[in-house]
Structure formats: structure tokens, C-alpha cells
Amino acid sequence: MSDAALLDKAHALSDKIVALRRAIHAEPELGLHTPLTRDKVRAALAHLPLTWREGPSTTGLVATLEGGAGPGRTVLLRGDMDALPMPEETGLPFASTIAGRMHACGHDTHTAMLAGAAEVLCAMREKIAGRVQFMFQPGEEGHHGARFMLDDGLIDPLPDAAFALHIMPDSPHGLVAGRTGALLASADQFAITVEGRGGHASMPHQTRDPVPVACEIVGAIQAMVTRKFAVSDPVVVTVAKIEAGTAHNVIANRAVLTGTMRTLSPGNRDRLPAELERLATHIAAAHDMTASVRIERGFPVTVCDERAVALGEAVTQDLVGEGRFVRLAHPIMGAEDFSYVLEKAPGAMFFLGVSHEGDDWRQCCGIHSTRMMVDESVMPLGTALLAGCAVRFLEKGFS
């Protein structure tokens, strides 16, 4: 089946894809356990010749399609399922019915497009040699869902290639983007606790005030990043929260700084915690205080294989013509736990622009916005792109 025929098949499924997306959007779930979403996926695909795996750590699903044309390569397609703990302010008729939760990162669309790809590929099962794994994954928003699913043995055998999509509501309508190498950053969290000695705010000389020390650490972090790490191998350290004190006239015993660390290389990722601890502890010591640093490891760098990016570019061109695939010049410092899959198998993630056609996409609300909107007419393209990547890889590999 040609890529153009795949797009026709995806468009024929448009109503089903959109309906599933809206059903998931209305009932968003958080974290590693998304049973309502899981059940919607199972129901939508119950009529297909798929075998299913679930594990103990999450409500994630891996549905496997065994091709009818004999053995061959294995390819994995992934869509994430969890939402964010935030209110929705879109005014959509299918807006979130659960207070304080919203599909503001597009995972509802990712899941629906992947379900559509399963429909398309199952319809051509007899022509497929090899195996397709459809990975429906919860817990992407910082919960390491992909890692848990790998640890639970749900992705066995490991695929020969893996592909995923992520929508971008503030990107041109129907544009597909990707890049070779680091696409997204690693993401680790830190907490720095400065221990002082509190007292009356009118007599700071009788205390050890941790607040100015915390502020000094914040400023020193910026200098550390720019003076110890090369701009050609980027590092971002952001102090996002400072907590101290209980009243306007009380000096606190301690101050706590929390934030994120982003890098594009394993070397800088491994080096950064030690630099942060040296800086914090020595600044605190200079003021007769102590500081401790706690690091919580997050997602690795998302690294895309050149062969997989080239394959996705070729599929996109066959689907929608020249000029609809863009090679990104620079990585994005966001993070993604599809990186765990790409540590195990060569592959790529692509971005899909879902701004409404004719809108000024630069003015559209981005992901994680309470007002994020999606042009659902783009979703069949996402389904066809996923299916096309699978078909091309199973037929030709990375050649």
C-alpha cells in the first residue's frame, strides 16, 4: 500500500480517531494508572487481531500485530495516555469533566492517532511481514511510565526500530519536524536546603538568615552555568521555587530551593550535580551555615537515529509532498520519556503542527497551556505517518 493510500485510509477513520480523542480528553487521568483511558483503548480496538500485554507497575498496554506474510522485523509505535494536574479553560464541549485535570500536552491525540494506526495496519495484516508493537503508555509527565513498561517486560522482544509523534499546537498546520541526534534534553530535579538559625527579623545579626544565602546561590548558579559549561553543549538550570519563612517579622531556620536541570549530553548530566553541590555547600559555609543538595534523576536525553529521521522525512514527503518536513536546527530543552525506548532501540520522535489552518500559529497557545487547542483535522496525517513509518521499516529497514 502506498503512503498516499495510507493517508486515504486514515482520513476514512477520521470520525473514529476524533471520537476517541474527545472521549479521552473529557476524562483525563494522571500518572502511571489511567484505567479509564486504558479501557477506552481496549474497547476501541477490541475487534482487531491484536494480542495484549499489561504489567504490574502501570496500566500501560502493548498491543502486538503479527503480520500475515511471515516473519520479519519488529517495529514499535508509541502513544502516551496521561494528562496534567491543571485546570482547563478551552470552553470546548468535550472539555475535562474532572476538576484540576487537563489533556494540555496532547496525549489524548497521541493515543487516538496510534489507535488509528493500529486500525490501518490491521486492515493490511496479510501483506505485512514482521511484527508491529503498539505501545499505549501512561505516566509520561514525569512518572517514568516508559521505563516501568520496559522493566515489566512488556516490550519483548525489543523492537528493531521505534517511532513516536508529539503534537505542537503552536507550530504550522500539518508541518512535521524532527532532527538527528539530541532532540530533547535530559531532565533532573534538584532541591537545595540551606540551614540557618532563625529569630526576630529586627535583629538579623543574632541569627543566621538563610534567605540572602539562598538568593546568593540562585545568582551563583547562573554564573556557574555560563562559566563552567560550554555554550556548544547547552545546560539549563532553573530555580523555580523558593520556600522560607512564616511571617513578615520572622527570620526562618531554613530556605529550600527547588528546580530543574536540563542537559543535552550524558557527560554534562553526570557532572552537573557535583558542581551544584560544591557551589551550594561552599556559599553556605562562607556564611556559617550548611547546605544539602538532593537530586532526583529524571528522563535521559532523547536521541534520534539519523536513519529513522530520514525514514520519517521520506514518509512525510510521500504523504503530503515536499516542504512539509522540517529538520530542526537545534534541540528543544523540554524532556520526554520516549527517551527510555530510544536507549533500547534506534528510532525517532517527530513533532506534528496542529494549529488551525489559516491561524497565526505564533500566537497559538502552546502545550501545557490551560487554553491549548488542537485542529483535529490534522490527526489523520499523524495516524498515516505512524503507519507509514511502520510499513516502510518493515519492508525496507533503514535502507
Protein backbone atom coordinates (compact mmCIF):
# COMPACT_ATOMS: atom_id res chain seq x y z
CA MET A 1 0.00 0.00 0.00
CA SER A 2 1.37 3.42 -0.96
CA ASP A 3 1.78 6.20 1.60
CA ALA A 4 -0.94 8.16 -0.21
CA ALA A 5 -3.29 5.19 0.22
CA LEU A 6 -2.42 5.10 3.91
CA LEU A 7 -3.48 8.72 4.21
CA ASP A 8 -6.78 7.93 2.48
CA LYS A 9 -7.35 5.06 4.91
CA ALA A 10 -6.57 7.35 7.85
CA HIS A 11 -8.98 10.00 6.62
CA ALA A 12 -11.68 7.34 6.33
CA LEU A 13 -11.15 6.68 10.05
CA SER A 14 -11.22 10.36 10.96
CA ASP A 15 -14.53 10.23 12.84
CA LYS A 16 -13.36 7.30 14.97
CA ILE A 17 -10.00 8.90 15.71
CA VAL A 18 -11.58 12.19 16.74
CA ALA A 19 -14.28 10.48 18.82
CA LEU A 20 -11.67 8.53 20.78
CA ARG A 21 -9.61 11.66 21.32
CA ARG A 22 -12.61 13.55 22.66
CA ALA A 23 -13.67 10.73 24.97
CA ILE A 24 -10.17 10.58 26.44
CA HIS A 25 -9.96 14.37 26.66
CA ALA A 26 -13.18 14.57 28.70
CA GLU A 27 -11.89 12.16 31.36
CA PRO A 28 -8.20 12.93 31.88
CA GLU A 29 -6.15 10.75 34.20
CA LEU A 30 -2.80 11.33 35.88
CA GLY A 31 0.33 9.32 36.46
CA LEU A 32 1.04 5.65 35.99
CA HIS A 33 -2.53 4.43 36.40
CA THR A 34 -5.01 5.51 33.75
CA PRO A 35 -7.67 2.76 33.81
CA LEU A 36 -10.41 4.79 32.12
CA THR A 37 -8.13 5.59 29.21
CA ARG A 38 -6.85 2.02 29.03
CA ASP A 39 -10.41 0.72 28.84
CA LYS A 40 -11.32 3.18 26.09
CA VAL A 41 -8.36 1.99 24.03
CA ARG A 42 -9.16 -1.68 24.60
CA ALA A 43 -12.79 -1.12 23.61
CA ALA A 44 -11.90 0.87 20.50
CA LEU A 45 -9.54 -1.86 19.25
CA ALA A 46 -11.31 -4.96 20.58
CA HIS A 47 -12.32 -6.05 17.06
CA LEU A 48 -8.75 -6.17 15.77
CA PRO A 49 -6.41 -9.22 15.60
CA LEU A 50 -4.11 -7.95 18.35
CA THR A 51 -2.55 -9.68 21.33
CA TRP A 52 -2.33 -7.61 24.51
CA ARG A 53 0.15 -7.31 27.34
CA GLU A 54 -0.21 -5.47 30.64
CA GLY A 55 2.20 -5.27 33.57
CA PRO A 56 2.05 -4.80 37.33
CA SER A 57 3.59 -1.33 37.54
CA THR A 58 1.25 0.68 35.30
CA THR A 59 -1.97 0.45 33.33
CA GLY A 60 0.11 0.62 30.16
CA LEU A 61 -0.71 -1.61 27.22
CA VAL A 62 1.32 -3.17 24.44
CA ALA A 63 -0.81 -4.50 21.59
CA THR A 64 1.03 -6.64 19.07
CA LEU A 65 0.11 -7.26 15.45
CA GLU A 66 1.73 -10.31 13.89
CA GLY A 67 1.95 -9.87 10.15
CA GLY A 68 0.31 -12.47 7.95
CA ALA A 69 3.10 -12.52 5.36
CA GLY A 70 5.60 -14.28 7.57
CA PRO A 71 8.39 -13.35 9.98
CA GLY A 72 10.39 -10.16 9.66
CA ARG A 73 11.47 -7.09 11.55
CA THR A 74 9.77 -5.67 14.64
CA VAL A 75 8.74 -2.01 14.84
CA LEU A 76 7.24 -0.16 17.80
CA LEU A 77 4.84 2.79 17.64
CA ARG A 78 4.15 4.68 20.85
CA GLY A 79 1.43 6.99 22.17
CA ASP A 80 1.23 8.33 25.73
CA MET A 81 -2.01 8.50 27.73
CA ASP A 82 -1.70 10.64 30.87
CA ALA A 83 -2.82 14.23 31.45
CA LEU A 84 -1.61 17.14 33.59
CA PRO A 85 -2.77 18.36 37.03
CA MET A 86 -4.12 21.71 35.84
CA PRO A 87 -7.47 23.31 35.05
CA GLU A 88 -8.90 23.54 31.53
CA GLU A 89 -10.10 26.86 30.12
CA THR A 90 -10.81 25.99 26.48
CA GLY A 91 -14.60 26.10 26.60
CA LEU A 92 -14.76 23.03 24.37
CA PRO A 93 -17.95 20.93 24.51
CA PHE A 94 -15.78 17.90 25.36
CA ALA A 95 -13.60 19.74 27.91
CA SER A 96 -12.36 17.96 31.00
CA THR A 97 -15.11 16.81 33.34
CA ILE A 98 -12.62 16.26 36.16
CA ALA A 99 -11.61 19.39 38.08
CA GLY A 100 -7.92 20.19 38.09
CA ARG A 101 -7.01 17.85 35.25
CA MET A 102 -6.48 18.56 31.57
CA HIS A 103 -5.00 16.95 28.49
CA ALA A 104 -2.84 20.00 27.86
CA CYS A 105 0.10 18.14 26.34
CA GLY A 106 -1.80 16.37 23.59
CA HIS A 107 -1.52 12.83 24.91
CA ASP A 108 -5.19 12.31 24.09
CA THR A 109 -4.37 12.97 20.44
CA HIS A 110 -1.26 10.78 20.56
CA THR A 111 -3.30 7.84 21.85
CA ALA A 112 -6.09 8.36 19.32
CA MET A 113 -3.67 8.67 16.38
CA LEU A 114 -1.90 5.48 17.50
CA ALA A 115 -5.23 3.66 17.75
CA GLY A 116 -5.94 4.83 14.20
CA ALA A 117 -2.59 3.46 13.05
CA ALA A 118 -3.50 0.10 14.60
CA GLU A 119 -6.73 0.11 12.58
CA VAL A 120 -4.91 0.93 9.35
CA LEU A 121 -2.18 -1.65 9.82
CA CYS A 122 -4.52 -4.43 10.96
CA ALA A 123 -6.53 -3.91 7.77
CA MET A 124 -3.42 -4.78 5.75
CA ARG A 125 -2.20 -7.55 8.05
CA GLU A 126 -1.91 -10.18 5.30
CA LYS A 127 0.59 -8.01 3.44
CA ILE A 128 2.79 -7.37 6.48
CA ALA A 129 5.91 -9.41 7.14
CA GLY A 130 7.05 -8.92 10.70
CA ARG A 131 5.57 -7.50 13.84
CA VAL A 132 4.16 -4.14 15.00
CA GLN A 133 4.04 -3.24 18.70
CA PHE A 134 1.57 -0.51 19.68
CA MET A 135 2.73 0.98 22.99
CA PHE A 136 -0.02 2.81 24.89
CA GLN A 137 1.87 4.38 27.75
CA PRO A 138 0.76 6.22 30.90
CA GLY A 139 2.99 8.20 33.22
CA GLU A 140 4.90 10.32 30.70
CA GLU A 141 4.51 13.55 32.67
CA GLY A 142 7.46 12.91 34.95
CA HIS A 143 6.40 9.45 36.15
CA HIS A 144 8.78 7.32 34.04
CA GLY A 145 5.99 5.25 32.51
CA ALA A 146 8.12 4.04 29.59
CA ARG A 147 10.85 2.85 31.94
CA PHE A 148 8.35 0.92 34.05
CA MET A 149 6.84 -0.73 30.98
CA LEU A 150 10.31 -1.77 29.82
CA ASP A 151 11.18 -3.08 33.29
CA ASP A 152 7.92 -5.06 33.37
CA GLY A 153 8.98 -6.84 30.19
CA LEU A 154 6.04 -5.62 28.14
CA ILE A 155 8.25 -4.77 25.18
CA ASP A 156 9.64 -8.20 24.40
CA PRO A 157 11.28 -8.69 22.04
CA LEU A 158 12.83 -5.27 21.85
CA PRO A 159 11.96 -3.67 18.52
CA ASP A 160 14.35 -3.12 15.67
CA ALA A 161 13.04 0.46 15.37
CA ALA A 162 10.70 2.73 17.31
CA PHE A 163 8.71 5.84 16.35
CA ALA A 164 6.53 8.38 18.17
CA LEU A 165 4.74 11.65 17.47
CA HIS A 166 4.19 14.72 19.62
CA ILE A 167 1.74 17.42 18.61
CA MET A 168 2.70 21.08 18.66
CA PRO A 169 -0.29 23.50 18.78
CA ASP A 170 1.99 26.47 18.18
CA SER A 171 3.53 25.06 15.01
CA PRO A 172 2.29 25.42 11.41
CA HIS A 173 -0.72 23.34 10.42
CA GLY A 174 0.34 19.88 9.22
CA LEU A 175 4.08 20.54 9.41
CA VAL A 176 6.25 17.63 10.56
CA ALA A 177 9.59 18.33 12.23
CA GLY A 178 12.47 16.27 13.52
CA ARG A 179 16.22 16.18 13.87
CA THR A 180 19.14 13.79 14.13
CA GLY A 181 20.87 13.37 17.47
CA ALA A 182 19.63 15.11 20.59
CA LEU A 183 16.04 16.20 20.05
CA LEU A 184 15.07 16.84 23.67
CA ALA A 185 17.05 17.30 26.86
CA SER A 186 17.53 15.21 29.95
CA ALA A 187 15.53 16.47 32.91
CA ASP A 188 16.60 16.09 36.54
CA GLN A 189 15.18 17.80 39.61
CA PHE A 190 17.11 19.31 42.49
CA ALA A 191 16.33 20.60 45.97
CA ILE A 192 18.84 22.70 47.91
CA THR A 193 18.20 23.17 51.64
CA VAL A 194 20.08 25.98 53.38
CA GLU A 195 20.11 25.53 57.16
CA GLY A 196 20.47 28.67 59.23
CA ARG A 197 19.24 29.86 62.63
CA GLY A 198 16.03 31.81 62.80
CA GLY A 199 14.99 34.67 65.01
CA HIS A 200 13.41 38.12 65.10
CA ALA A 201 13.51 39.96 61.79
CA SER A 202 14.52 43.20 63.53
CA MET A 203 17.72 41.61 64.88
CA PRO A 204 19.24 39.67 61.96
CA HIS A 205 22.73 39.94 63.46
CA GLN A 206 21.61 37.49 66.15
CA THR A 207 20.54 34.93 63.55
CA ARG A 208 21.93 33.04 60.61
CA ASP A 209 19.48 34.19 57.92
CA PRO A 210 19.21 31.56 55.15
CA VAL A 211 17.23 33.77 52.75
CA PRO A 212 20.06 36.01 51.44
CA VAL A 213 22.26 32.93 51.22
CA ALA A 214 19.63 31.20 49.12
CA CYS A 215 19.45 34.27 46.89
CA GLU A 216 23.22 34.27 46.55
CA ILE A 217 23.09 30.63 45.48
CA VAL A 218 20.49 31.44 42.82
CA GLY A 219 22.72 34.10 41.32
CA ALA A 220 25.80 31.91 41.53
CA ILE A 221 24.04 29.11 39.67
CA GLN A 222 23.61 31.38 36.64
CA ALA A 223 27.31 32.21 36.66
CA MET A 224 28.22 28.55 37.09
CA VAL A 225 26.21 27.54 34.02
CA THR A 226 27.71 30.20 31.76
CA ARG A 227 31.27 29.95 33.07
CA LYS A 228 31.74 26.20 33.57
CA PHE A 229 29.74 24.72 30.70
CA ALA A 230 30.36 25.35 27.01
CA VAL A 231 27.55 27.08 25.15
CA SER A 232 28.00 24.50 22.38
CA ASP A 233 26.83 21.76 24.79
CA PRO A 234 23.92 23.52 26.50
CA VAL A 235 22.99 23.33 30.17
CA VAL A 236 19.91 24.93 31.72
CA VAL A 237 19.47 25.20 35.49
CA THR A 238 16.31 26.95 36.65
CA VAL A 239 15.40 27.65 40.27
CA ALA A 240 11.63 27.53 40.01
CA LYS A 241 10.60 27.71 43.66
CA ILE A 242 11.97 29.22 46.87
CA GLU A 243 10.38 28.48 50.25
CA ALA A 244 11.28 30.16 53.52
CA GLY A 245 9.64 31.87 56.45
CA THR A 246 6.21 32.07 58.01
CA ALA A 247 5.67 35.77 58.75
CA HIS A 248 6.94 39.23 57.82
CA ASN A 249 8.86 39.64 61.07
CA VAL A 250 10.35 36.17 61.45
CA ILE A 251 13.69 35.00 60.08
CA ALA A 252 13.38 31.36 59.08
CA ASN A 253 15.56 28.49 60.17
CA ARG A 254 15.93 27.25 56.63
CA ALA A 255 15.31 28.03 52.98
CA VAL A 256 14.61 25.48 50.27
CA LEU A 257 15.25 26.00 46.57
CA THR A 258 13.83 23.58 44.00
CA GLY A 259 14.21 23.50 40.27
CA THR A 260 15.18 21.64 37.14
CA MET A 261 18.43 20.78 35.38
CA ARG A 262 18.48 20.18 31.62
CA THR A 263 21.40 18.92 29.54
CA LEU A 264 21.99 17.53 26.05
CA SER A 265 24.88 15.19 26.84
CA PRO A 266 25.46 12.39 29.36
CA GLY A 267 28.76 13.98 30.39
CA ASN A 268 27.23 17.28 31.44
CA ARG A 269 24.32 15.48 33.05
CA ASP A 270 26.70 13.47 35.24
CA ARG A 271 28.90 16.48 36.05
CA LEU A 272 26.18 18.96 36.95
CA PRO A 273 25.09 17.58 40.37
CA ALA A 274 28.62 17.72 41.75
CA GLU A 275 29.06 21.30 40.55
CA LEU A 276 25.76 22.29 42.12
CA GLU A 277 26.64 20.70 45.45
CA ARG A 278 30.08 22.32 45.55
CA LEU A 279 28.58 25.73 44.87
CA ALA A 280 25.75 25.47 47.41
CA THR A 281 27.74 23.99 50.27
CA HIS A 282 30.62 26.43 49.95
CA ILE A 283 28.44 29.52 49.71
CA ALA A 284 26.53 28.38 52.78
CA ALA A 285 29.77 27.68 54.64
CA ALA A 286 31.01 31.19 53.88
CA HIS A 287 28.06 32.46 55.93
CA ASP A 288 28.44 29.95 58.80
CA MET A 289 25.59 27.82 57.51
CA THR A 290 25.19 24.45 55.86
CA ALA A 291 23.51 23.36 52.67
CA SER A 292 22.47 19.97 51.37
CA VAL A 293 21.59 19.06 47.81
CA ARG A 294 19.17 16.34 46.75
CA ILE A 295 18.98 15.22 43.12
CA GLU A 296 16.10 13.28 41.59
CA ARG A 297 17.07 11.74 38.27
CA GLY A 298 14.55 12.25 35.50
CA PHE A 299 14.41 11.42 31.82
CA PRO A 300 17.54 10.84 29.70
CA VAL A 301 18.34 12.82 26.57
CA THR A 302 16.01 11.93 23.69
CA VAL A 303 18.37 10.89 20.89
CA CYS A 304 17.05 10.26 17.37
CA ASP A 305 18.80 7.98 14.89
CA GLU A 306 19.65 9.61 11.55
CA ARG A 307 18.30 6.63 9.61
CA ALA A 308 14.96 6.83 11.43
CA VAL A 309 14.72 10.58 10.87
CA ALA A 310 15.43 10.11 7.17
CA LEU A 311 12.75 7.42 7.01
CA GLY A 312 10.19 9.71 8.65
CA GLU A 313 11.12 12.52 6.29
CA ALA A 314 10.64 10.27 3.27
CA VAL A 315 7.26 9.04 4.53
CA THR A 316 6.12 12.62 5.16
CA GLN A 317 7.11 13.72 1.67
CA ASP A 318 5.23 10.81 0.13
CA LEU A 319 2.16 11.60 2.24
CA VAL A 320 1.91 15.37 1.79
CA GLY A 321 4.63 16.46 -0.61
CA GLU A 322 7.87 18.40 -0.47
CA GLY A 323 8.33 21.17 2.05
CA ARG A 324 6.16 19.66 4.78
CA PHE A 325 9.06 18.16 6.74
CA VAL A 326 11.50 20.44 8.56
CA ARG A 327 14.84 19.50 10.05
CA LEU A 328 15.16 21.38 13.34
CA ALA A 329 18.43 23.29 13.63
CA HIS A 330 18.55 23.00 17.40
CA PRO A 331 17.29 20.67 20.12
CA ILE A 332 14.43 21.66 22.41
CA MET A 333 15.21 21.75 26.13
CA GLY A 334 11.98 20.02 27.08
CA ALA A 335 12.16 16.34 28.01
CA GLU A 336 10.36 13.15 27.03
CA ASP A 337 10.37 9.63 28.44
CA PHE A 338 10.24 8.06 24.98
CA SER A 339 13.98 8.55 25.52
CA TYR A 340 13.97 5.29 27.52
CA VAL A 341 12.72 3.42 24.44
CA LEU A 342 15.29 5.11 22.21
CA GLU A 343 18.04 3.95 24.58
CA LYS A 344 16.99 0.39 23.72
CA ALA A 345 16.23 0.69 20.01
CA PRO A 346 17.10 3.08 17.17
CA GLY A 347 14.24 5.37 16.23
CA ALA A 348 12.88 8.89 16.23
CA MET A 349 10.21 11.18 17.57
CA PHE A 350 8.60 13.73 15.29
CA PHE A 351 6.62 16.89 16.03
CA LEU A 352 3.32 17.48 14.25
CA GLY A 353 1.92 21.01 13.90
CA VAL A 354 -1.77 21.13 14.87
CA SER A 355 -2.55 24.84 14.79
CA HIS A 356 -5.74 25.64 12.88
CA GLU A 357 -5.18 26.25 9.19
CA GLY A 358 -5.05 29.97 8.50
CA ASP A 359 -4.31 30.94 12.11
CA ASP A 360 -1.14 32.77 13.06
CA TRP A 361 0.50 29.76 14.70
CA ARG A 362 2.95 32.01 16.54
CA GLN A 363 0.05 33.39 18.58
CA CYS A 364 -1.44 29.98 19.45
CA CYS A 365 -1.25 28.67 22.99
CA GLY A 366 1.45 26.06 23.38
CA ILE A 367 1.43 22.77 25.21
CA HIS A 368 0.78 22.93 28.97
CA SER A 369 -1.50 25.93 28.49
CA THR A 370 -4.99 25.91 30.04
CA ARG A 371 -6.25 27.17 26.66
CA MET A 372 -4.37 24.82 24.35
CA MET A 373 -6.38 23.92 21.25
CA VAL A 374 -5.90 21.28 18.55
CA ASP A 375 -7.01 21.26 14.93
CA GLU A 376 -8.35 17.72 14.83
CA SER A 377 -8.27 17.68 11.03
CA VAL A 378 -4.51 17.09 11.26
CA MET A 379 -4.90 13.88 13.25
CA PRO A 380 -5.36 11.55 10.24
CA LEU A 381 -1.98 12.75 8.99
CA GLY A 382 -0.46 11.69 12.31
CA THR A 383 -2.10 8.28 12.01
CA ALA A 384 -0.83 7.86 8.44
CA LEU A 385 2.67 8.99 9.40
CA LEU A 386 2.90 6.42 12.20
CA ALA A 387 1.53 3.68 9.97
CA GLY A 388 3.78 4.73 7.10
CA CYS A 389 6.90 4.61 9.26
CA ALA A 390 5.98 1.09 10.35
CA VAL A 391 5.24 -0.14 6.82
CA ARG A 392 8.37 1.35 5.31
CA PHE A 393 10.63 -0.01 8.04
CA LEU A 394 9.12 -3.49 7.90
CA GLU A 395 9.53 -3.57 4.11
CA LYS A 396 12.92 -1.90 3.73
CA GLY A 397 14.51 -1.45 7.12
CA PHE A 398 16.68 1.64 7.28
CA SER A 399 17.96 1.18 3.71
